[in-house]
N, C-alpha and C. Protein backbone atom coordinates (compact mmCIF):
# COMPACT_ATOMS: atom_id res chain seq x y z
N MET A 1 80.94 17.96 189.56
CA MET A 1 81.93 17.45 188.60
C MET A 1 81.24 16.99 187.33
N SER A 2 81.90 17.26 186.26
CA SER A 2 81.35 16.83 184.97
C SER A 2 81.77 15.39 184.67
N ALA A 3 80.90 14.66 183.99
CA ALA A 3 81.20 13.26 183.65
C ALA A 3 82.30 13.19 182.60
N PRO A 4 83.22 12.17 182.67
CA PRO A 4 84.30 12.05 181.66
C PRO A 4 83.75 11.76 180.28
N ARG A 5 84.46 12.30 179.26
CA ARG A 5 84.04 12.10 177.87
C ARG A 5 84.38 10.69 177.38
N ARG A 6 83.49 10.15 176.64
CA ARG A 6 83.75 8.84 176.02
C ARG A 6 84.23 9.04 174.58
N THR A 7 85.37 8.44 174.31
CA THR A 7 85.90 8.51 172.93
C THR A 7 85.47 7.27 172.17
N SER A 8 84.83 7.45 171.07
CA SER A 8 84.35 6.30 170.28
C SER A 8 85.49 5.72 169.45
N ALA A 9 85.70 4.41 169.49
CA ALA A 9 86.73 3.73 168.69
C ALA A 9 86.30 3.69 167.23
N ARG A 10 87.18 4.22 166.37
CA ARG A 10 86.85 4.28 164.93
C ARG A 10 87.61 3.19 164.19
N GLY A 11 86.95 2.30 163.46
CA GLY A 11 87.60 1.25 162.68
C GLY A 11 87.72 1.63 161.21
N PHE A 12 88.17 0.66 160.37
CA PHE A 12 88.29 0.88 158.93
C PHE A 12 86.94 0.68 158.27
N THR A 13 86.71 1.51 157.33
CA THR A 13 85.48 1.34 156.54
C THR A 13 85.69 0.26 155.50
N LEU A 14 84.63 -0.20 154.91
CA LEU A 14 84.70 -1.24 153.89
C LEU A 14 85.47 -0.77 152.67
N ILE A 15 85.31 0.47 152.30
CA ILE A 15 86.04 1.03 151.15
C ILE A 15 87.53 1.00 151.39
N GLU A 16 87.94 1.40 152.61
CA GLU A 16 89.38 1.41 152.92
C GLU A 16 89.95 -0.01 152.89
N VAL A 17 89.20 -0.97 153.41
CA VAL A 17 89.68 -2.36 153.38
C VAL A 17 89.81 -2.85 151.94
N LEU A 18 88.83 -2.54 151.11
CA LEU A 18 88.90 -2.98 149.71
C LEU A 18 90.06 -2.33 148.97
N VAL A 19 90.30 -1.03 149.24
CA VAL A 19 91.43 -0.34 148.61
C VAL A 19 92.74 -0.97 149.04
N SER A 20 92.88 -1.27 150.32
CA SER A 20 94.11 -1.89 150.82
C SER A 20 94.34 -3.25 150.19
N VAL A 21 93.29 -4.07 150.10
CA VAL A 21 93.42 -5.39 149.48
C VAL A 21 93.81 -5.26 148.01
N PHE A 22 93.21 -4.27 147.32
CA PHE A 22 93.53 -4.07 145.90
C PHE A 22 95.00 -3.67 145.73
N LEU A 23 95.47 -2.75 146.58
CA LEU A 23 96.87 -2.33 146.48
C LEU A 23 97.82 -3.48 146.77
N MET A 24 97.51 -4.31 147.77
CA MET A 24 98.36 -5.46 148.08
C MET A 24 98.38 -6.45 146.92
N ALA A 25 97.22 -6.63 146.29
CA ALA A 25 97.16 -7.54 145.15
C ALA A 25 98.02 -7.04 143.99
N VAL A 26 97.96 -5.72 143.74
CA VAL A 26 98.77 -5.14 142.66
C VAL A 26 100.25 -5.28 142.96
N LEU A 27 100.65 -4.96 144.19
CA LEU A 27 102.06 -5.06 144.58
C LEU A 27 102.55 -6.51 144.52
N SER A 28 101.70 -7.44 144.95
CA SER A 28 102.08 -8.85 144.90
C SER A 28 102.26 -9.32 143.45
N ALA A 29 101.36 -8.89 142.57
CA ALA A 29 101.47 -9.27 141.16
C ALA A 29 102.74 -8.71 140.53
N LEU A 30 103.06 -7.45 140.87
CA LEU A 30 104.28 -6.84 140.34
C LEU A 30 105.51 -7.56 140.86
N ALA A 31 105.51 -7.91 142.14
CA ALA A 31 106.65 -8.61 142.72
C ALA A 31 106.81 -10.00 142.10
N PHE A 32 105.69 -10.70 141.89
CA PHE A 32 105.76 -12.03 141.28
C PHE A 32 106.29 -11.95 139.86
N GLU A 33 105.82 -10.95 139.10
CA GLU A 33 106.27 -10.80 137.72
C GLU A 33 107.77 -10.48 137.67
N ALA A 34 108.23 -9.66 138.61
CA ALA A 34 109.66 -9.33 138.66
C ALA A 34 110.49 -10.57 138.97
N LEU A 35 110.04 -11.36 139.96
CA LEU A 35 110.77 -12.59 140.28
C LEU A 35 110.72 -13.58 139.13
N ASN A 36 109.59 -13.67 138.45
CA ASN A 36 109.47 -14.58 137.31
C ASN A 36 110.39 -14.15 136.17
N TYR A 37 110.51 -12.85 135.97
CA TYR A 37 111.41 -12.33 134.93
C TYR A 37 112.87 -12.66 135.26
N VAL A 38 113.23 -12.49 136.53
CA VAL A 38 114.60 -12.82 136.94
C VAL A 38 114.87 -14.31 136.74
N ARG A 39 113.89 -15.16 137.08
CA ARG A 39 114.06 -16.60 136.91
C ARG A 39 114.22 -16.98 135.45
N ARG A 40 113.36 -16.40 134.57
CA ARG A 40 113.47 -16.68 133.14
C ARG A 40 114.80 -16.19 132.58
N SER A 41 115.22 -15.02 133.00
CA SER A 41 116.49 -14.47 132.53
C SER A 41 117.66 -15.37 132.94
N ARG A 42 117.58 -15.88 134.16
CA ARG A 42 118.64 -16.77 134.63
C ARG A 42 118.67 -18.05 133.82
N GLU A 43 117.50 -18.63 133.54
CA GLU A 43 117.45 -19.85 132.75
C GLU A 43 117.99 -19.63 131.34
N VAL A 44 117.61 -18.50 130.73
CA VAL A 44 118.11 -18.20 129.38
C VAL A 44 119.62 -18.00 129.40
N THR A 45 120.12 -17.30 130.41
CA THR A 45 121.57 -17.06 130.51
C THR A 45 122.32 -18.37 130.69
N GLN A 46 121.81 -19.25 131.56
CA GLN A 46 122.45 -20.54 131.76
C GLN A 46 122.43 -21.37 130.49
N SER A 47 121.32 -21.33 129.75
CA SER A 47 121.23 -22.08 128.51
C SER A 47 122.22 -21.57 127.47
N VAL A 48 122.35 -20.25 127.38
CA VAL A 48 123.29 -19.66 126.42
C VAL A 48 124.72 -20.01 126.79
N TYR A 49 125.07 -19.92 128.08
CA TYR A 49 126.42 -20.26 128.52
C TYR A 49 126.72 -21.73 128.26
N ALA A 50 125.73 -22.60 128.51
CA ALA A 50 125.93 -24.03 128.25
C ALA A 50 126.15 -24.29 126.76
N ARG A 51 125.38 -23.61 125.93
CA ARG A 51 125.52 -23.77 124.48
C ARG A 51 126.89 -23.29 124.01
N LEU A 52 127.29 -22.12 124.45
CA LEU A 52 128.60 -21.59 124.05
C LEU A 52 129.73 -22.49 124.55
N GLY A 53 129.57 -23.03 125.78
CA GLY A 53 130.59 -23.93 126.30
C GLY A 53 130.70 -25.20 125.48
N ALA A 54 129.56 -25.76 125.06
CA ALA A 54 129.58 -26.97 124.24
C ALA A 54 130.20 -26.71 122.87
N VAL A 55 129.87 -25.56 122.26
CA VAL A 55 130.46 -25.22 120.96
C VAL A 55 131.96 -25.00 121.10
N GLU A 56 132.38 -24.31 122.15
CA GLU A 56 133.81 -24.07 122.36
C GLU A 56 134.57 -25.38 122.55
N LEU A 57 134.00 -26.30 123.33
CA LEU A 57 134.65 -27.59 123.54
C LEU A 57 134.72 -28.38 122.24
N THR A 58 133.67 -28.34 121.45
CA THR A 58 133.66 -29.06 120.17
C THR A 58 134.74 -28.55 119.23
N VAL A 59 134.82 -27.24 119.09
CA VAL A 59 135.84 -26.66 118.21
C VAL A 59 137.24 -26.97 118.75
N HIS A 60 137.40 -26.92 120.06
CA HIS A 60 138.69 -27.22 120.68
C HIS A 60 139.12 -28.66 120.37
N LEU A 61 138.20 -29.61 120.50
CA LEU A 61 138.54 -31.01 120.22
C LEU A 61 138.81 -31.23 118.73
N LEU A 62 138.03 -30.59 117.87
CA LEU A 62 138.28 -30.71 116.44
C LEU A 62 139.68 -30.21 116.09
N VAL A 63 140.03 -29.05 116.60
CA VAL A 63 141.35 -28.49 116.32
C VAL A 63 142.44 -29.39 116.89
N ASN A 64 142.27 -29.87 118.12
CA ASN A 64 143.27 -30.73 118.73
C ASN A 64 143.44 -32.04 117.97
N ASP A 65 142.34 -32.64 117.56
CA ASP A 65 142.44 -33.92 116.85
C ASP A 65 143.23 -33.77 115.55
N PHE A 66 142.91 -32.76 114.76
CA PHE A 66 143.59 -32.61 113.47
C PHE A 66 145.01 -32.06 113.63
N SER A 67 145.23 -31.22 114.62
CA SER A 67 146.59 -30.69 114.82
C SER A 67 147.54 -31.74 115.39
N GLN A 68 147.00 -32.83 115.94
CA GLN A 68 147.82 -33.92 116.47
C GLN A 68 147.67 -35.20 115.64
N ALA A 69 147.28 -35.04 114.38
CA ALA A 69 147.11 -36.20 113.50
C ALA A 69 148.44 -36.93 113.33
N ALA A 70 148.38 -38.26 113.41
CA ALA A 70 149.59 -39.09 113.31
C ALA A 70 149.55 -39.92 112.03
N PRO A 71 150.73 -40.21 111.43
CA PRO A 71 150.77 -40.99 110.18
C PRO A 71 150.69 -42.49 110.45
N ARG A 72 149.67 -42.91 111.16
CA ARG A 72 149.56 -44.32 111.59
C ARG A 72 148.26 -44.91 111.05
N PRO A 73 148.34 -45.70 109.95
CA PRO A 73 147.15 -46.42 109.50
C PRO A 73 146.77 -47.47 110.54
N ILE A 74 145.54 -47.96 110.47
CA ILE A 74 145.09 -48.99 111.40
C ILE A 74 144.51 -50.17 110.61
N ARG A 75 144.40 -51.29 111.30
CA ARG A 75 143.70 -52.43 110.70
C ARG A 75 142.21 -52.27 110.93
N ASP A 76 141.41 -52.76 110.00
CA ASP A 76 139.97 -52.70 110.20
C ASP A 76 139.54 -53.68 111.28
N SER A 77 138.27 -53.67 111.63
CA SER A 77 137.80 -54.45 112.77
C SER A 77 137.92 -55.95 112.57
N VAL A 78 137.97 -56.41 111.32
CA VAL A 78 138.11 -57.85 111.07
C VAL A 78 139.54 -58.22 110.71
N GLY A 79 140.42 -57.22 110.59
CA GLY A 79 141.83 -57.48 110.35
C GLY A 79 142.19 -57.90 108.96
N THR A 80 141.34 -57.62 107.97
CA THR A 80 141.62 -58.05 106.60
C THR A 80 142.18 -56.94 105.72
N SER A 81 142.06 -55.70 106.14
CA SER A 81 142.55 -54.59 105.34
C SER A 81 143.06 -53.47 106.24
N THR A 82 143.63 -52.46 105.60
CA THR A 82 144.21 -51.34 106.33
C THR A 82 143.42 -50.08 106.04
N VAL A 83 143.17 -49.30 107.08
CA VAL A 83 142.45 -48.03 106.96
C VAL A 83 143.47 -46.91 107.03
N PRO A 84 143.43 -45.93 106.12
CA PRO A 84 144.41 -44.84 106.13
C PRO A 84 144.46 -44.09 107.46
N ALA A 85 145.59 -43.46 107.71
CA ALA A 85 145.76 -42.69 108.94
C ALA A 85 144.71 -41.60 109.05
N LEU A 86 144.36 -40.99 107.94
CA LEU A 86 143.27 -40.02 107.88
C LEU A 86 142.38 -40.37 106.71
N LEU A 87 141.11 -40.59 107.02
CA LEU A 87 140.15 -40.98 106.00
C LEU A 87 138.94 -40.07 106.09
N ALA A 88 138.64 -39.39 105.00
CA ALA A 88 137.49 -38.49 104.96
C ALA A 88 136.85 -38.59 103.59
N ASP A 89 135.56 -38.87 103.58
CA ASP A 89 134.82 -39.01 102.33
C ASP A 89 133.43 -38.44 102.57
N SER A 90 133.09 -37.37 101.86
CA SER A 90 131.80 -36.71 102.05
C SER A 90 130.62 -37.59 101.66
N ARG A 91 130.89 -38.69 100.96
CA ARG A 91 129.80 -39.58 100.54
C ARG A 91 129.41 -40.57 101.63
N THR A 92 130.16 -40.61 102.72
CA THR A 92 129.86 -41.53 103.81
C THR A 92 129.29 -40.76 105.00
N THR A 93 128.80 -41.51 105.98
CA THR A 93 128.23 -40.87 107.18
C THR A 93 129.31 -40.33 108.10
N ASN A 94 130.53 -40.87 107.99
CA ASN A 94 131.63 -40.38 108.82
C ASN A 94 132.27 -39.17 108.16
N LEU A 95 132.37 -38.08 108.91
CA LEU A 95 133.02 -36.89 108.39
C LEU A 95 134.52 -37.12 108.25
N ALA A 96 135.12 -37.73 109.27
CA ALA A 96 136.56 -38.00 109.25
C ALA A 96 136.88 -39.08 110.27
N SER A 97 137.82 -39.92 109.89
CA SER A 97 138.36 -40.93 110.79
C SER A 97 139.87 -40.77 110.78
N LEU A 98 140.48 -40.59 111.94
CA LEU A 98 141.91 -40.29 111.97
C LEU A 98 142.57 -40.86 113.21
N THR A 99 143.88 -41.04 113.09
CA THR A 99 144.71 -41.41 114.23
C THR A 99 145.36 -40.15 114.78
N ARG A 100 145.27 -39.95 116.07
CA ARG A 100 145.86 -38.78 116.70
C ARG A 100 146.78 -39.20 117.84
N THR A 101 147.74 -38.35 118.14
CA THR A 101 148.64 -38.60 119.25
C THR A 101 148.16 -37.83 120.48
N GLY A 102 148.90 -37.97 121.57
CA GLY A 102 148.62 -37.17 122.75
C GLY A 102 147.48 -37.67 123.60
N TRP A 103 147.11 -38.97 123.46
CA TRP A 103 146.06 -39.52 124.30
C TRP A 103 146.63 -39.70 125.70
N MET A 104 146.17 -38.91 126.64
CA MET A 104 146.72 -38.92 127.99
C MET A 104 146.48 -40.25 128.67
N ASN A 105 147.47 -40.69 129.43
CA ASN A 105 147.40 -41.97 130.11
C ASN A 105 147.83 -41.77 131.56
N THR A 106 147.02 -41.02 132.30
CA THR A 106 147.38 -40.70 133.69
C THR A 106 147.35 -41.92 134.60
N ALA A 107 146.58 -42.94 134.23
CA ALA A 107 146.50 -44.15 135.06
C ALA A 107 147.64 -45.12 134.78
N GLY A 108 148.45 -44.84 133.75
CA GLY A 108 149.56 -45.73 133.43
C GLY A 108 149.12 -47.07 132.89
N ALA A 109 147.99 -47.10 132.20
CA ALA A 109 147.49 -48.36 131.63
C ALA A 109 148.38 -48.81 130.47
N PRO A 110 148.50 -50.12 130.26
CA PRO A 110 149.34 -50.62 129.16
C PRO A 110 148.64 -50.43 127.82
N ARG A 111 148.69 -49.23 127.30
CA ARG A 111 148.06 -48.93 126.02
C ARG A 111 148.86 -47.86 125.30
N SER A 112 148.54 -47.67 124.03
CA SER A 112 149.22 -46.66 123.22
C SER A 112 148.74 -45.26 123.59
N THR A 113 149.59 -44.28 123.34
CA THR A 113 149.19 -42.88 123.52
C THR A 113 148.55 -42.34 122.24
N GLN A 114 148.46 -43.18 121.21
CA GLN A 114 147.74 -42.81 120.00
C GLN A 114 146.30 -43.32 120.10
N GLN A 115 145.42 -42.63 119.42
CA GLN A 115 143.98 -42.91 119.55
C GLN A 115 143.31 -42.77 118.20
N ARG A 116 142.37 -43.64 117.94
CA ARG A 116 141.58 -43.54 116.70
C ARG A 116 140.29 -42.80 117.01
N VAL A 117 140.03 -41.75 116.24
CA VAL A 117 138.89 -40.87 116.49
C VAL A 117 138.04 -40.80 115.22
N ILE A 118 136.75 -40.80 115.41
CA ILE A 118 135.80 -40.65 114.29
C ILE A 118 134.85 -39.50 114.61
N TRP A 119 134.71 -38.57 113.67
CA TRP A 119 133.71 -37.51 113.76
C TRP A 119 132.63 -37.81 112.73
N ARG A 120 131.38 -37.77 113.18
CA ARG A 120 130.28 -38.03 112.25
C ARG A 120 129.06 -37.19 112.62
N LEU A 121 128.23 -36.96 111.62
CA LEU A 121 127.03 -36.15 111.77
C LEU A 121 125.83 -37.08 111.70
N ASP A 122 125.06 -37.11 112.79
CA ASP A 122 123.86 -37.93 112.88
C ASP A 122 122.65 -37.01 112.92
N GLY A 123 122.07 -36.76 111.75
CA GLY A 123 120.98 -35.78 111.68
C GLY A 123 121.52 -34.38 111.94
N THR A 124 121.11 -33.80 113.06
CA THR A 124 121.62 -32.47 113.44
C THR A 124 122.59 -32.56 114.62
N ARG A 125 122.99 -33.79 114.99
CA ARG A 125 123.90 -33.99 116.11
C ARG A 125 125.30 -34.29 115.60
N LEU A 126 126.29 -33.59 116.15
CA LEU A 126 127.68 -33.87 115.83
C LEU A 126 128.25 -34.78 116.91
N LEU A 127 128.71 -35.97 116.49
CA LEU A 127 129.20 -36.98 117.42
C LEU A 127 130.70 -37.18 117.26
N ARG A 128 131.35 -37.52 118.38
CA ARG A 128 132.77 -37.88 118.38
C ARG A 128 132.90 -39.27 118.99
N GLU A 129 133.55 -40.16 118.27
CA GLU A 129 133.77 -41.51 118.75
C GLU A 129 135.27 -41.76 118.88
N HIS A 130 135.65 -42.52 119.89
CA HIS A 130 137.03 -42.94 119.99
C HIS A 130 137.08 -44.40 120.41
N SER A 131 138.07 -45.09 119.89
CA SER A 131 138.23 -46.50 120.19
C SER A 131 139.10 -46.67 121.43
N THR A 132 138.81 -47.72 122.19
CA THR A 132 139.61 -48.00 123.38
C THR A 132 140.93 -48.65 123.04
N VAL A 133 141.05 -49.16 121.82
CA VAL A 133 142.31 -49.71 121.32
C VAL A 133 142.57 -49.10 119.95
N LEU A 134 143.83 -49.05 119.56
CA LEU A 134 144.16 -48.38 118.30
C LEU A 134 143.68 -49.20 117.10
N ASP A 135 144.07 -50.47 117.05
CA ASP A 135 143.59 -51.37 116.00
C ASP A 135 142.36 -52.08 116.53
N GLY A 136 141.19 -51.58 116.15
CA GLY A 136 139.95 -52.06 116.72
C GLY A 136 139.61 -53.49 116.31
N THR A 137 138.81 -54.11 117.12
CA THR A 137 138.27 -55.44 116.83
C THR A 137 136.75 -55.39 117.00
N LEU A 138 136.10 -56.46 116.60
CA LEU A 138 134.64 -56.51 116.73
C LEU A 138 134.21 -56.49 118.19
N ALA A 139 135.10 -56.91 119.09
CA ALA A 139 134.76 -56.95 120.52
C ALA A 139 134.94 -55.60 121.20
N ASN A 140 135.62 -54.66 120.55
CA ASN A 140 135.88 -53.35 121.15
C ASN A 140 134.94 -52.32 120.54
N ALA A 141 133.86 -52.03 121.23
CA ALA A 141 132.91 -51.04 120.74
C ALA A 141 133.44 -49.63 121.02
N PRO A 142 133.30 -48.71 120.08
CA PRO A 142 133.79 -47.34 120.31
C PRO A 142 132.95 -46.62 121.36
N VAL A 143 133.56 -45.63 121.98
CA VAL A 143 132.87 -44.78 122.95
C VAL A 143 132.34 -43.56 122.20
N THR A 144 131.03 -43.34 122.25
CA THR A 144 130.40 -42.26 121.50
C THR A 144 130.01 -41.14 122.44
N ARG A 145 130.27 -39.91 122.00
CA ARG A 145 129.91 -38.73 122.80
C ARG A 145 129.24 -37.71 121.90
N GLU A 146 128.06 -37.26 122.31
CA GLU A 146 127.38 -36.20 121.56
C GLU A 146 127.99 -34.85 121.96
N MET A 147 128.51 -34.13 120.96
CA MET A 147 129.18 -32.86 121.24
C MET A 147 128.19 -31.69 121.22
N ILE A 148 127.54 -31.47 120.08
CA ILE A 148 126.58 -30.38 119.96
C ILE A 148 125.44 -30.83 119.06
N ASN A 149 124.30 -30.14 119.19
CA ASN A 149 123.16 -30.40 118.32
C ASN A 149 122.83 -29.14 117.53
N ASP A 150 121.73 -29.20 116.79
CA ASP A 150 121.32 -28.09 115.93
C ASP A 150 122.42 -27.71 114.92
N VAL A 151 123.09 -28.74 114.39
CA VAL A 151 124.11 -28.54 113.37
C VAL A 151 123.46 -28.71 112.00
N THR A 152 123.55 -27.71 111.17
CA THR A 152 122.94 -27.79 109.84
C THR A 152 123.90 -28.35 108.79
N ALA A 153 125.20 -28.15 108.97
CA ALA A 153 126.17 -28.67 108.00
C ALA A 153 127.57 -28.64 108.60
N VAL A 154 128.39 -29.58 108.14
CA VAL A 154 129.81 -29.62 108.49
C VAL A 154 130.59 -29.87 107.20
N ARG A 155 131.61 -29.07 107.00
CA ARG A 155 132.42 -29.22 105.79
C ARG A 155 133.89 -29.26 106.17
N LEU A 156 134.60 -30.24 105.60
CA LEU A 156 136.05 -30.37 105.80
C LEU A 156 136.75 -30.27 104.45
N ARG A 157 137.82 -29.48 104.42
CA ARG A 157 138.66 -29.40 103.22
C ARG A 157 140.10 -29.63 103.62
N PHE A 158 140.87 -30.26 102.72
CA PHE A 158 142.22 -30.68 103.05
C PHE A 158 143.20 -30.10 102.03
N LEU A 159 144.25 -29.48 102.53
CA LEU A 159 145.27 -28.86 101.67
C LEU A 159 146.36 -29.88 101.39
N ASP A 160 146.53 -30.27 100.11
CA ASP A 160 147.53 -31.28 99.78
C ASP A 160 148.91 -30.67 99.60
N SER A 161 149.87 -31.50 99.22
CA SER A 161 151.26 -31.04 99.11
C SER A 161 151.46 -30.05 97.98
N GLN A 162 150.55 -30.03 96.98
CA GLN A 162 150.63 -29.05 95.89
C GLN A 162 149.81 -27.80 96.20
N ARG A 163 149.38 -27.68 97.45
CA ARG A 163 148.60 -26.54 97.93
C ARG A 163 147.27 -26.40 97.20
N ASN A 164 146.67 -27.53 96.91
CA ASN A 164 145.32 -27.56 96.34
C ASN A 164 144.36 -28.10 97.40
N TRP A 165 143.18 -27.51 97.44
CA TRP A 165 142.18 -27.95 98.42
C TRP A 165 141.44 -29.16 97.88
N GLN A 166 141.33 -30.19 98.73
CA GLN A 166 140.64 -31.42 98.38
C GLN A 166 139.42 -31.58 99.29
N GLU A 167 138.34 -32.13 98.72
CA GLU A 167 137.12 -32.34 99.49
C GLU A 167 137.13 -33.67 100.25
N SER A 168 138.04 -34.56 99.89
CA SER A 168 138.14 -35.85 100.57
C SER A 168 139.61 -36.19 100.78
N TRP A 169 139.86 -37.21 101.61
CA TRP A 169 141.24 -37.62 101.90
C TRP A 169 141.25 -39.13 102.19
N PRO A 170 142.30 -39.83 101.65
CA PRO A 170 143.47 -39.37 100.91
C PRO A 170 143.09 -38.77 99.55
N ALA A 171 143.89 -37.82 99.14
CA ALA A 171 143.63 -37.14 97.88
C ALA A 171 143.86 -38.09 96.72
N ALA A 172 143.13 -37.86 95.64
CA ALA A 172 143.28 -38.71 94.46
C ALA A 172 144.68 -38.61 93.89
N SER A 173 145.31 -37.43 94.00
CA SER A 173 146.67 -37.23 93.48
C SER A 173 147.66 -37.38 94.63
N GLY A 174 147.62 -38.53 95.30
CA GLY A 174 148.51 -38.76 96.44
C GLY A 174 149.94 -39.01 96.01
N PRO A 175 150.88 -39.06 96.95
CA PRO A 175 152.28 -39.25 96.62
C PRO A 175 152.55 -40.66 96.11
N VAL A 176 153.51 -40.79 95.25
CA VAL A 176 153.91 -42.09 94.72
C VAL A 176 155.16 -42.52 95.46
N GLY A 177 155.14 -43.71 95.99
CA GLY A 177 156.29 -44.18 96.76
C GLY A 177 156.09 -45.61 97.17
N ALA A 178 156.60 -45.93 98.36
CA ALA A 178 156.49 -47.29 98.87
C ALA A 178 155.04 -47.64 99.12
N PRO A 179 154.71 -48.94 99.07
CA PRO A 179 153.34 -49.35 99.34
C PRO A 179 152.89 -48.88 100.72
N GLY A 180 151.70 -48.37 100.77
CA GLY A 180 151.18 -47.87 102.03
C GLY A 180 151.49 -46.42 102.31
N SER A 181 152.32 -45.78 101.45
CA SER A 181 152.67 -44.39 101.72
C SER A 181 151.46 -43.48 101.62
N ALA A 182 150.55 -43.77 100.68
CA ALA A 182 149.36 -42.94 100.52
C ALA A 182 148.46 -43.05 101.74
N GLN A 183 148.52 -44.17 102.45
CA GLN A 183 147.68 -44.34 103.62
C GLN A 183 148.26 -43.64 104.85
N SER A 184 149.51 -43.26 104.79
CA SER A 184 150.14 -42.59 105.92
C SER A 184 150.24 -41.08 105.75
N VAL A 185 150.10 -40.61 104.52
CA VAL A 185 150.30 -39.19 104.25
C VAL A 185 149.18 -38.37 104.89
N ARG A 186 149.57 -37.18 105.36
CA ARG A 186 148.61 -36.26 105.96
C ARG A 186 148.56 -34.97 105.16
N PRO A 187 147.47 -34.24 105.23
CA PRO A 187 147.39 -32.95 104.53
C PRO A 187 148.26 -31.92 105.24
N ARG A 188 148.51 -30.84 104.54
CA ARG A 188 149.26 -29.75 105.16
C ARG A 188 148.39 -28.95 106.14
N ALA A 189 147.12 -28.87 105.85
CA ALA A 189 146.20 -28.14 106.71
C ALA A 189 144.78 -28.67 106.48
N VAL A 190 143.93 -28.40 107.44
CA VAL A 190 142.52 -28.79 107.36
C VAL A 190 141.66 -27.56 107.66
N GLU A 191 140.70 -27.31 106.80
CA GLU A 191 139.74 -26.24 107.02
C GLU A 191 138.44 -26.85 107.53
N ILE A 192 138.01 -26.40 108.71
CA ILE A 192 136.80 -26.92 109.34
C ILE A 192 135.73 -25.84 109.31
N THR A 193 134.56 -26.17 108.78
CA THR A 193 133.45 -25.22 108.73
C THR A 193 132.24 -25.86 109.40
N LEU A 194 131.73 -25.21 110.44
CA LEU A 194 130.53 -25.65 111.13
C LEU A 194 129.41 -24.66 110.84
N GLU A 195 128.26 -25.18 110.47
CA GLU A 195 127.06 -24.35 110.29
C GLU A 195 126.08 -24.70 111.40
N LEU A 196 125.83 -23.73 112.29
CA LEU A 196 124.93 -23.95 113.42
C LEU A 196 123.65 -23.15 113.24
N LYS A 197 122.56 -23.73 113.68
CA LYS A 197 121.25 -23.11 113.49
C LYS A 197 121.16 -21.77 114.20
N ASP A 198 121.76 -21.66 115.40
CA ASP A 198 121.61 -20.45 116.20
C ASP A 198 122.81 -19.51 116.12
N LEU A 199 124.00 -20.03 115.83
CA LEU A 199 125.21 -19.21 115.86
C LEU A 199 125.80 -18.96 114.49
N GLY A 200 125.23 -19.55 113.46
CA GLY A 200 125.74 -19.30 112.11
C GLY A 200 126.97 -20.13 111.79
N ARG A 201 127.89 -19.54 111.06
CA ARG A 201 129.06 -20.26 110.55
C ARG A 201 130.29 -20.02 111.42
N ILE A 202 130.99 -21.13 111.70
CA ILE A 202 132.26 -21.08 112.43
C ILE A 202 133.31 -21.76 111.56
N VAL A 203 134.41 -21.08 111.30
CA VAL A 203 135.46 -21.61 110.43
C VAL A 203 136.79 -21.60 111.19
N ARG A 204 137.50 -22.72 111.12
CA ARG A 204 138.82 -22.83 111.72
C ARG A 204 139.77 -23.45 110.70
N LEU A 205 140.98 -22.93 110.65
CA LEU A 205 142.03 -23.46 109.79
C LEU A 205 143.10 -24.06 110.68
N VAL A 206 143.35 -25.37 110.51
CA VAL A 206 144.25 -26.10 111.40
C VAL A 206 145.47 -26.57 110.60
N GLU A 207 146.65 -26.24 111.09
CA GLU A 207 147.88 -26.73 110.48
C GLU A 207 148.19 -28.10 111.01
N VAL A 208 148.48 -29.04 110.10
CA VAL A 208 148.77 -30.42 110.48
C VAL A 208 150.28 -30.59 110.51
N PRO A 209 150.84 -31.17 111.58
CA PRO A 209 152.30 -31.33 111.67
C PRO A 209 152.83 -32.31 110.64
N GLY A 210 154.10 -32.11 110.28
CA GLY A 210 154.76 -33.04 109.37
C GLY A 210 154.56 -32.68 107.93
């Protein structure tokens, strides 16, 4: 009888091991880069959606505030003078201060459904303030909310009863009548222009009731 053949076990050579390690390293790098790209894309998408949502909310509140403007002047915080129902002066830090209706009161609190709102530009931040009471006092601090940032400019124009655009309100050529009438009068329309660093110019024309 012939002796059985011995089969020699053949392993991987060093070259084959190095090639395999190199290929795994390349595939791992490609997979990591793909996952990193997906992560960055998701972050950018979320940031863009958040930005667009903030801009949309800001424009919505601006339109709502001016479209619900009420002819209700208020007393100043010390109670010595009266502030017009709508006050806008480009020479001041406040873009506009106005009384608006439609302040929801779902809790049934003993308060007015009218609200005093102030829009102002703080550097590149557009802020909205509202008072917890209509006729404010020194003890009632306004609630401030930052709406959007990266704002380069905000411009408001007001259409008076003679259909002329005014840069401030009350207009210099206000109506003549009973005392306080100029403080209650509202424009026929308000043109709102926002200049944003990333989105450019946004313009809205709002019709004011009454």
